[in-house]
Amino acid sequence: MRQGKDPLDDGAGAGSVSLLRQPKAVWATAGASVVAFMGIGLVDPILPSIAKGLDATPSQVSLLFTSYFLITAVAMLVTGFVSSRIGGKKTLLAGLALVVVFAALAGTSNSVAELVGFRAGWGLGNALFVSTALAVIVGAAAGGSAAAILLYESALGLGMACGPLVGAILGDMKWRYPFFGTAALMAIGFVAITVFLKEQPKPARKTSLLDPVKALGHGGLASAAASAFFYNYAFFTVLAFTPFVLNMSPYKSGGVFFAWGVLLAVFSVLVAPRLQKRFGSLKVLGGSLVLLAADLVVLGYGNHATAVTATVASGAFIGLNNTVYTELALGVSDAPRPVASAGYNFVRWFAAAAAPYFAPKIEEWSDIHVPFVVAAVAAVLGAVIVWVRRGSLTHEAEGLGPAHAAEDGVSAFAT
């Protein structure tokens, strides 16, 4: 969505206009972004309730994440192709429309197969929306890109934190209600964006479907993507498998993952940039991955109270990793940032699809501890790749900052 002039050099300081004094179009897009990010963790606290309501096993219900993120991974090759041809507003509206339709259909499901299929359609809509939202906010915001980025990252954090809480409140009444609630909120977002957002200029160069795949030919980008693949396996083992291990009521599980989401947001937006400035990106990433691995082992082998604490604590490491990984991916190659981001995410989201499927299967084949050991090993492998390939990552990584992650409409988690 970048149009010639770098949006970070727009001549307006972030403090020249109050963060809260933004056009209605910005608030409409940011509000819809909150709901979009809520949809990722919305089902966390109600996974056991869904399994009970549809007479399904944990491995079957976990496919809700698998179908969602598998489609998201493939959609990464499509979103740039679409938005560069029809423009940002139409892409946002197309994504919102898909989410409204498929979230509502998910609430009517009478079998796990139906629910998994509808979540796949939901994933396509979310990919179209989320991959475009920041670029639209940057283009419409007052006060410079820094203000727009802060608004977007705040929406991301709020959505990730509130998703499990909203899912718990509505799901405690009936497991279907969170899906209907999401559809209703996204419908409001659709109307707001239709009314308040003007069409953004189309990019001068259209993106092809193969551009993201070609970008992975760069060794540094391929290394970042490979490491992130293993990290994402660990991340989504926590997100999709832990609710079954904790075996708590929707309210209690929602509270745990609300705290998890708060830590994720704080460490992603506030802590990561400070640690990067002091220690460098690769040291922060390597250390955080090793600590995440240790946390996963504690989660798997600790008692219930320890498992709850370790689940919440993992949000801090995940927040750090999300920020640093995306900045590495966007700065390590000479490909346009949206193209590099799409290629990188095409690889890493496959792990987000794999972990929810394999973790329950591994438990069935062994015991409840082993899925967390496998996830810990995956996190360590991610750190090993960063260490072995540090020569191709170091130069670019040390010069990165949070602004780089958003120059062309991409963000630390969403992309």
Protein backbone atom coordinates (compact mmCIF):
# COMPACT_ATOMS: atom_id res chain seq x y z
CA MET A 1 0.00 0.00 0.00
CA ARG A 2 3.02 2.23 0.01
CA GLN A 3 2.75 5.08 -2.44
CA GLY A 4 6.14 6.50 -3.36
CA LYS A 5 6.79 8.62 -0.29
CA ASP A 6 7.73 6.63 2.79
CA PRO A 7 4.84 6.99 5.23
CA LEU A 8 7.30 7.17 8.10
CA ASP A 9 8.74 10.32 6.61
CA ASP A 10 5.48 12.18 6.28
CA GLY A 11 6.76 15.27 7.96
CA ALA A 12 4.34 15.12 10.84
CA GLY A 13 5.53 14.10 14.26
CA ALA A 14 3.53 11.55 16.10
CA GLY A 15 2.97 14.01 18.89
CA SER A 16 1.75 16.85 16.66
CA VAL A 17 -1.78 15.45 16.73
CA SER A 18 -3.37 13.75 19.71
CA LEU A 19 -3.52 9.99 19.40
CA LEU A 20 -7.23 10.15 20.16
CA ARG A 21 -8.00 12.82 17.56
CA GLN A 22 -8.27 10.54 14.57
CA PRO A 23 -10.66 10.46 11.61
CA LYS A 24 -13.71 8.24 11.94
CA ALA A 25 -12.28 5.99 9.22
CA VAL A 26 -9.30 5.19 11.46
CA TRP A 27 -11.49 4.34 14.44
CA ALA A 28 -13.77 2.20 12.29
CA THR A 29 -10.82 0.19 10.96
CA ALA A 30 -9.13 -0.06 14.36
CA GLY A 31 -12.38 -1.22 15.98
CA ALA A 32 -12.86 -3.92 13.38
CA SER A 33 -9.21 -4.92 13.92
CA VAL A 34 -9.87 -5.52 17.62
CA VAL A 35 -12.68 -7.94 16.73
CA ALA A 36 -10.53 -9.62 14.06
CA PHE A 37 -7.80 -10.37 16.59
CA MET A 38 -10.38 -11.44 19.15
CA GLY A 39 -11.42 -14.17 16.73
CA ILE A 40 -8.04 -15.91 17.02
CA GLY A 41 -8.31 -16.74 20.72
CA LEU A 42 -12.09 -16.59 21.00
CA VAL A 43 -12.55 -20.36 20.97
CA ASP A 44 -9.79 -21.09 23.50
CA PRO A 45 -11.88 -21.18 26.70
CA ILE A 46 -14.80 -22.97 25.03
CA LEU A 47 -12.90 -25.81 23.33
CA PRO A 48 -13.94 -28.31 26.04
CA SER A 49 -17.54 -27.03 25.83
CA ILE A 50 -17.56 -27.43 22.05
CA ALA A 51 -16.18 -30.96 22.40
CA LYS A 52 -18.94 -31.80 24.88
CA GLY A 53 -21.67 -30.11 22.85
CA LEU A 54 -20.74 -31.84 19.60
CA ASP A 55 -19.66 -35.13 21.21
CA ALA A 56 -16.14 -34.71 19.82
CA THR A 57 -12.62 -35.58 20.95
CA PRO A 58 -9.95 -32.95 21.74
CA SER A 59 -8.08 -33.80 18.54
CA GLN A 60 -11.24 -33.24 16.49
CA VAL A 61 -12.06 -29.92 18.13
CA SER A 62 -8.45 -28.72 17.77
CA LEU A 63 -8.98 -28.86 14.02
CA LEU A 64 -10.77 -25.52 14.47
CA PHE A 65 -7.30 -23.99 14.65
CA THR A 66 -5.84 -26.25 11.98
CA SER A 67 -8.39 -25.34 9.31
CA TYR A 68 -8.26 -21.66 10.26
CA PHE A 69 -4.49 -21.32 10.01
CA LEU A 70 -4.03 -23.67 7.05
CA ILE A 71 -6.26 -21.40 5.00
CA THR A 72 -4.50 -18.36 6.48
CA ALA A 73 -1.14 -19.72 5.31
CA VAL A 74 -2.32 -20.27 1.75
CA ALA A 75 -4.13 -16.92 1.78
CA MET A 76 -0.81 -15.16 2.36
CA LEU A 77 -0.06 -15.79 -1.31
CA VAL A 78 -3.37 -14.23 -2.27
CA THR A 79 -3.89 -11.16 -0.09
CA GLY A 80 -1.26 -9.00 -1.80
CA PHE A 81 -2.46 -10.14 -5.21
CA VAL A 82 -6.01 -9.11 -4.32
CA SER A 83 -5.35 -5.81 -2.54
CA SER A 84 -2.97 -4.57 -5.22
CA ARG A 85 -5.76 -4.98 -7.78
CA ILE A 86 -8.98 -3.96 -6.03
CA GLY A 87 -7.61 -1.57 -3.39
CA GLY A 88 -7.51 -1.54 0.40
CA LYS A 89 -11.12 -0.68 1.17
CA LYS A 90 -12.60 -3.38 -1.05
CA THR A 91 -10.15 -5.93 0.39
CA LEU A 92 -11.15 -5.00 3.93
CA LEU A 93 -14.82 -5.27 3.12
CA ALA A 94 -14.38 -8.60 1.36
CA GLY A 95 -12.57 -9.97 4.40
CA LEU A 96 -15.18 -8.63 6.81
CA ALA A 97 -18.02 -10.05 4.74
CA LEU A 98 -16.43 -13.50 4.77
CA VAL A 99 -15.92 -13.37 8.54
CA VAL A 100 -19.54 -12.30 9.13
CA VAL A 101 -20.90 -15.12 6.98
CA PHE A 102 -18.65 -17.92 8.22
CA ALA A 103 -18.67 -16.91 11.90
CA ALA A 104 -22.49 -16.94 11.81
CA LEU A 105 -22.50 -20.30 10.04
CA ALA A 106 -20.05 -21.67 12.63
CA GLY A 107 -22.61 -20.89 15.31
CA THR A 108 -25.19 -23.05 13.52
CA SER A 109 -22.91 -26.09 13.18
CA ASN A 110 -24.31 -29.47 14.13
CA SER A 111 -21.05 -31.40 13.73
CA VAL A 112 -17.34 -30.86 14.16
CA ALA A 113 -16.83 -31.27 10.41
CA GLU A 114 -19.19 -28.38 9.70
CA LEU A 115 -17.56 -26.20 12.34
CA VAL A 116 -14.05 -26.93 11.04
CA GLY A 117 -15.13 -26.07 7.50
CA PHE A 118 -16.73 -22.80 8.53
CA ARG A 119 -13.61 -21.83 10.51
CA ALA A 120 -11.61 -22.29 7.31
CA GLY A 121 -13.78 -19.73 5.55
CA TRP A 122 -13.43 -17.47 8.58
CA GLY A 123 -9.64 -17.78 8.29
CA LEU A 124 -9.69 -16.61 4.67
CA GLY A 125 -11.74 -13.55 5.61
CA ASN A 126 -9.52 -12.74 8.55
CA ALA A 127 -6.38 -13.03 6.40
CA LEU A 128 -7.75 -10.58 3.84
CA PHE A 129 -8.77 -8.11 6.53
CA VAL A 130 -5.78 -8.28 8.88
CA SER A 131 -3.15 -8.19 6.12
CA THR A 132 -4.63 -4.91 4.83
CA ALA A 133 -5.85 -3.09 7.95
CA LEU A 134 -2.59 -1.47 9.08
CA ALA A 135 -1.82 -0.08 5.63
CA VAL A 136 -5.28 1.48 5.55
CA ILE A 137 -4.88 2.96 9.05
CA VAL A 138 -1.49 4.43 8.13
CA GLY A 139 -2.98 6.00 5.03
CA ALA A 140 -5.93 7.55 6.87
CA ALA A 141 -4.47 8.49 10.26
CA ALA A 142 -3.68 11.99 11.51
CA GLY A 143 -0.45 12.69 13.35
CA GLY A 144 1.93 10.58 11.31
CA SER A 145 2.59 6.87 10.99
CA ALA A 146 3.82 6.48 14.56
CA ALA A 147 0.34 7.36 15.87
CA ALA A 148 -1.28 4.99 13.37
CA ILE A 149 1.06 2.15 14.29
CA LEU A 150 0.43 2.65 18.01
CA LEU A 151 -3.31 2.55 17.42
CA TYR A 152 -3.04 -0.65 15.40
CA GLU A 153 -0.74 -2.39 17.87
CA SER A 154 -3.09 -1.35 20.67
CA ALA A 155 -5.98 -2.89 18.75
CA LEU A 156 -3.93 -6.05 18.28
CA GLY A 157 -3.13 -6.32 21.98
CA LEU A 158 -6.68 -5.52 23.06
CA GLY A 159 -8.09 -8.11 20.67
CA MET A 160 -5.66 -10.85 21.71
CA ALA A 161 -6.34 -10.18 25.38
CA CYS A 162 -10.12 -9.81 25.16
CA GLY A 163 -10.82 -12.66 22.75
CA PRO A 164 -10.61 -15.43 25.37
CA LEU A 165 -12.52 -13.30 27.89
CA VAL A 166 -15.38 -12.58 25.48
CA GLY A 167 -15.39 -16.22 24.42
CA ALA A 168 -15.68 -17.27 28.06
CA ILE A 169 -18.51 -14.85 28.92
CA LEU A 170 -20.63 -15.75 25.90
CA GLY A 171 -19.56 -19.38 25.81
CA ASP A 172 -20.53 -19.94 29.43
CA MET A 173 -24.13 -19.39 28.33
CA LYS A 174 -23.85 -21.50 25.19
CA TRP A 175 -20.84 -22.47 23.10
CA ARG A 176 -22.51 -21.14 19.95
CA TYR A 177 -22.89 -17.56 21.21
CA PRO A 178 -19.25 -16.41 20.73
CA PHE A 179 -19.56 -17.17 17.00
CA PHE A 180 -22.79 -15.21 16.66
CA GLY A 181 -21.29 -12.38 18.72
CA THR A 182 -18.27 -12.14 16.43
CA ALA A 183 -20.50 -12.09 13.35
CA ALA A 184 -22.57 -9.25 14.81
CA LEU A 185 -19.54 -7.16 15.78
CA MET A 186 -17.91 -7.66 12.38
CA ALA A 187 -21.16 -6.69 10.67
CA ILE A 188 -21.05 -3.40 12.59
CA GLY A 189 -17.43 -2.98 11.46
CA PHE A 190 -18.46 -3.61 7.86
CA VAL A 191 -21.07 -0.85 8.00
CA ALA A 192 -18.69 1.57 9.72
CA ILE A 193 -15.91 1.04 7.17
CA THR A 194 -18.38 1.31 4.28
CA VAL A 195 -19.61 4.67 5.59
CA PHE A 196 -16.43 6.30 6.91
CA LEU A 197 -13.48 4.95 4.91
CA LYS A 198 -12.59 6.41 1.53
CA GLU A 199 -10.86 4.20 -1.01
CA GLN A 200 -7.07 4.18 -0.72
CA PRO A 201 -4.83 4.61 -3.80
CA LYS A 202 -3.82 1.31 -5.39
CA PRO A 203 -0.11 0.36 -5.40
CA ALA A 204 1.82 1.32 -8.51
CA ARG A 205 3.03 -2.27 -8.92
CA LYS A 206 0.70 -5.26 -8.79
CA THR A 207 1.81 -8.26 -6.75
CA SER A 208 1.84 -11.68 -8.41
CA LEU A 209 0.92 -14.92 -6.68
CA LEU A 210 4.48 -16.23 -6.96
CA ASP A 211 6.30 -13.15 -5.65
CA PRO A 212 6.20 -14.30 -1.98
CA VAL A 213 7.53 -17.75 -2.91
CA LYS A 214 10.34 -16.22 -4.99
CA ALA A 215 11.28 -14.00 -2.04
CA LEU A 216 12.01 -17.13 0.01
CA GLY A 217 14.97 -17.77 -2.29
CA HIS A 218 16.87 -15.27 -0.14
CA GLY A 219 18.86 -17.19 2.49
CA GLY A 220 18.21 -14.78 5.33
CA LEU A 221 14.46 -14.68 4.78
CA ALA A 222 14.31 -18.46 4.39
CA SER A 223 16.23 -18.84 7.69
CA ALA A 224 13.89 -16.48 9.53
CA ALA A 225 10.87 -18.35 8.13
CA ALA A 226 12.28 -21.77 9.05
CA SER A 227 13.05 -20.69 12.60
CA ALA A 228 9.62 -19.07 12.94
CA PHE A 229 8.02 -22.30 11.72
CA PHE A 230 9.36 -24.20 14.74
CA TYR A 231 8.54 -21.33 17.07
CA ASN A 232 4.96 -21.19 15.85
CA TYR A 233 4.57 -24.89 16.55
CA ALA A 234 5.43 -24.16 20.19
CA PHE A 235 3.21 -21.06 20.27
CA PHE A 236 0.10 -22.81 19.01
CA THR A 237 0.61 -25.83 21.20
CA VAL A 238 0.04 -23.41 24.07
CA LEU A 239 -2.93 -21.72 22.42
CA ALA A 240 -4.80 -24.78 21.14
CA PHE A 241 -3.83 -27.65 23.46
CA THR A 242 -3.45 -26.08 26.90
CA PRO A 243 -7.22 -25.47 27.46
CA PHE A 244 -7.74 -29.24 27.51
CA VAL A 245 -4.87 -29.70 29.96
CA LEU A 246 -6.09 -27.00 32.34
CA ASN A 247 -9.65 -28.42 32.13
CA MET A 248 -11.24 -25.33 33.68
CA SER A 249 -14.63 -23.69 33.33
CA PRO A 250 -14.97 -21.22 30.44
CA TYR A 251 -14.78 -18.28 32.87
CA LYS A 252 -11.61 -19.49 34.57
CA SER A 253 -9.97 -20.51 31.30
CA GLY A 254 -10.93 -17.14 29.80
CA GLY A 255 -9.32 -15.37 32.75
CA VAL A 256 -6.09 -17.32 32.31
CA PHE A 257 -5.86 -16.52 28.62
CA PHE A 258 -6.87 -12.90 29.22
CA ALA A 259 -3.82 -12.55 31.47
CA TRP A 260 -1.78 -14.38 28.84
CA GLY A 261 -2.97 -11.93 26.18
CA VAL A 262 -2.17 -8.90 28.34
CA LEU A 263 1.41 -10.10 28.80
CA LEU A 264 1.67 -10.83 25.08
CA ALA A 265 0.56 -7.30 24.22
CA VAL A 266 2.78 -5.57 26.79
CA PHE A 267 5.92 -7.49 25.86
CA SER A 268 5.27 -7.17 22.13
CA VAL A 269 4.61 -3.43 22.07
CA LEU A 270 6.52 -2.05 25.06
CA VAL A 271 9.19 -4.47 26.26
CA ALA A 272 10.55 -5.94 23.01
CA PRO A 273 11.79 -2.62 21.53
CA ARG A 274 13.65 -1.77 24.75
CA LEU A 275 15.32 -5.17 24.98
CA GLN A 276 16.27 -5.05 21.30
CA LYS A 277 17.87 -1.65 21.76
CA ARG A 278 19.92 -2.89 24.70
CA PHE A 279 20.87 -6.43 23.67
CA GLY A 280 20.22 -6.72 19.92
CA SER A 281 17.46 -8.62 18.15
CA LEU A 282 19.16 -11.99 17.83
CA LYS A 283 20.16 -12.22 21.49
CA VAL A 284 16.64 -11.29 22.56
CA LEU A 285 15.12 -13.83 20.17
CA GLY A 286 17.48 -16.68 21.08
CA GLY A 287 17.09 -16.08 24.81
CA SER A 288 13.32 -15.79 24.57
CA LEU A 289 13.03 -19.04 22.61
CA VAL A 290 15.10 -20.94 25.17
CA LEU A 291 13.05 -19.49 28.03
CA LEU A 292 9.84 -20.42 26.19
CA ALA A 293 11.13 -23.99 25.87
CA ALA A 294 11.83 -24.15 29.61
CA ASP A 295 8.41 -22.68 30.35
CA LEU A 296 6.75 -25.35 28.20
CA VAL A 297 8.47 -28.15 30.09
CA VAL A 298 7.31 -26.64 33.38
CA LEU A 299 3.80 -26.32 31.95
CA GLY A 300 3.78 -29.96 30.91
CA TYR A 301 5.15 -31.46 34.12
CA GLY A 302 3.96 -29.04 36.82
CA ASN A 303 0.86 -29.36 38.95
CA HIS A 304 -2.32 -27.48 38.03
CA ALA A 305 -1.36 -24.18 39.68
CA THR A 306 2.10 -24.34 38.10
CA ALA A 307 0.56 -25.07 34.68
CA VAL A 308 -1.69 -22.01 34.99
CA THR A 309 1.26 -19.82 35.92
CA ALA A 310 3.40 -21.18 33.10
CA THR A 311 0.58 -20.65 30.60
CA VAL A 312 0.26 -16.99 31.56
CA ALA A 313 4.05 -16.51 31.60
CA SER A 314 4.36 -17.90 28.06
CA GLY A 315 2.54 -14.79 26.84
CA ALA A 316 5.62 -12.70 27.67
CA PHE A 317 7.97 -14.85 25.58
CA ILE A 318 5.46 -15.11 22.74
CA GLY A 319 5.07 -11.33 22.70
CA LEU A 320 8.84 -10.84 22.43
CA ASN A 321 9.20 -13.45 19.71
CA ASN A 322 6.32 -12.15 17.59
CA THR A 323 7.85 -8.70 17.37
CA VAL A 324 11.44 -9.73 16.72
CA TYR A 325 10.61 -12.43 14.17
CA THR A 326 8.53 -10.13 12.02
CA GLU A 327 11.13 -7.39 12.09
CA LEU A 328 13.77 -9.90 11.03
CA ALA A 329 11.60 -11.15 8.19
CA LEU A 330 10.90 -7.65 6.94
CA GLY A 331 14.47 -6.37 7.11
CA VAL A 332 16.61 -9.31 6.10
CA SER A 333 16.01 -9.34 2.33
CA ASP A 334 15.74 -6.73 -0.40
CA ALA A 335 12.24 -7.86 -1.39
CA PRO A 336 9.42 -5.34 -0.84
CA ARG A 337 8.26 -5.69 2.73
CA PRO A 338 4.71 -6.83 1.93
CA VAL A 339 6.12 -9.52 -0.37
CA ALA A 340 8.73 -10.63 2.18
CA SER A 341 6.08 -10.73 4.88
CA ALA A 342 3.76 -12.85 2.74
CA GLY A 343 6.50 -15.39 1.98
CA TYR A 344 7.60 -15.57 5.59
CA ASN A 345 4.04 -16.01 6.87
CA PHE A 346 3.24 -18.57 4.19
CA VAL A 347 5.83 -20.80 5.87
CA ARG A 348 5.21 -20.09 9.53
CA TRP A 349 1.40 -20.38 9.51
CA PHE A 350 1.69 -24.00 8.41
CA ALA A 351 3.12 -24.73 11.86
CA ALA A 352 0.15 -22.93 13.43
CA ALA A 353 -2.04 -25.35 11.51
CA ALA A 354 0.07 -28.40 12.43
CA ALA A 355 0.40 -27.94 16.20
CA PRO A 356 -3.34 -28.06 17.07
CA TYR A 357 -3.63 -31.30 15.09
CA PHE A 358 -0.51 -33.10 16.32
CA ALA A 359 -0.53 -32.11 20.01
CA PRO A 360 -3.71 -34.08 20.88
CA LYS A 361 -2.56 -36.94 18.67
CA ILE A 362 0.78 -37.08 20.47
CA GLU A 363 -1.08 -37.22 23.78
CA GLU A 364 -3.17 -40.14 22.48
CA TRP A 365 0.00 -41.94 21.38
CA SER A 366 1.93 -41.26 24.61
CA ASP A 367 0.78 -39.16 27.58
CA ILE A 368 -0.22 -35.61 28.42
CA HIS A 369 3.36 -34.43 29.08
CA VAL A 370 4.92 -35.33 25.73
CA PRO A 371 3.15 -32.70 23.54
CA PHE A 372 4.80 -29.98 25.63
CA VAL A 373 8.20 -31.67 25.37
CA VAL A 374 7.81 -31.76 21.59
CA ALA A 375 6.82 -28.08 21.61
CA ALA A 376 9.85 -27.25 23.77
CA VAL A 377 12.14 -29.08 21.35
CA ALA A 378 10.58 -27.10 18.50
CA ALA A 379 11.33 -23.82 20.31
CA VAL A 380 14.95 -24.90 20.84
CA LEU A 381 15.26 -25.81 17.16
CA GLY A 382 14.07 -22.31 16.32
CA ALA A 383 16.83 -20.89 18.51
CA VAL A 384 19.43 -23.21 16.94
CA ILE A 385 18.51 -22.00 13.44
CA VAL A 386 18.90 -18.38 14.57
CA TRP A 387 22.32 -19.18 16.04
CA VAL A 388 23.59 -21.20 13.07
CA ARG A 389 22.33 -18.66 10.54
CA ARG A 390 23.23 -15.57 12.56
CA GLY A 391 25.70 -14.49 9.89
CA SER A 392 22.88 -13.95 7.41
CA LEU A 393 20.69 -12.23 10.01
CA THR A 394 23.00 -10.15 12.20
CA HIS A 395 23.68 -7.12 9.99
CA GLU A 396 20.05 -6.48 9.25
CA ALA A 397 18.76 -7.46 12.68
CA GLU A 398 20.90 -5.03 14.64
CA GLY A 399 19.53 -2.07 12.72
CA LEU A 400 15.88 -2.96 13.05
CA GLY A 401 13.36 -1.12 15.14
CA PRO A 402 9.62 -1.36 15.63
CA ALA A 403 8.92 1.19 12.93
CA HIS A 404 10.33 -1.10 10.26
CA ALA A 405 7.70 -3.68 10.97
CA ALA A 406 4.97 -1.33 9.90
CA GLU A 407 6.39 0.73 7.08
CA ASP A 408 4.44 -1.07 4.43
CA GLY A 409 1.38 -2.12 6.33
CA VAL A 410 2.53 -5.16 8.25
CA SER A 411 2.72 -5.79 11.97
CA ALA A 412 4.42 -7.92 14.53
CA PHE A 413 1.74 -10.53 14.96
CA ALA A 414 -0.95 -10.07 12.39
CA THR A 415 1.10 -10.59 9.33
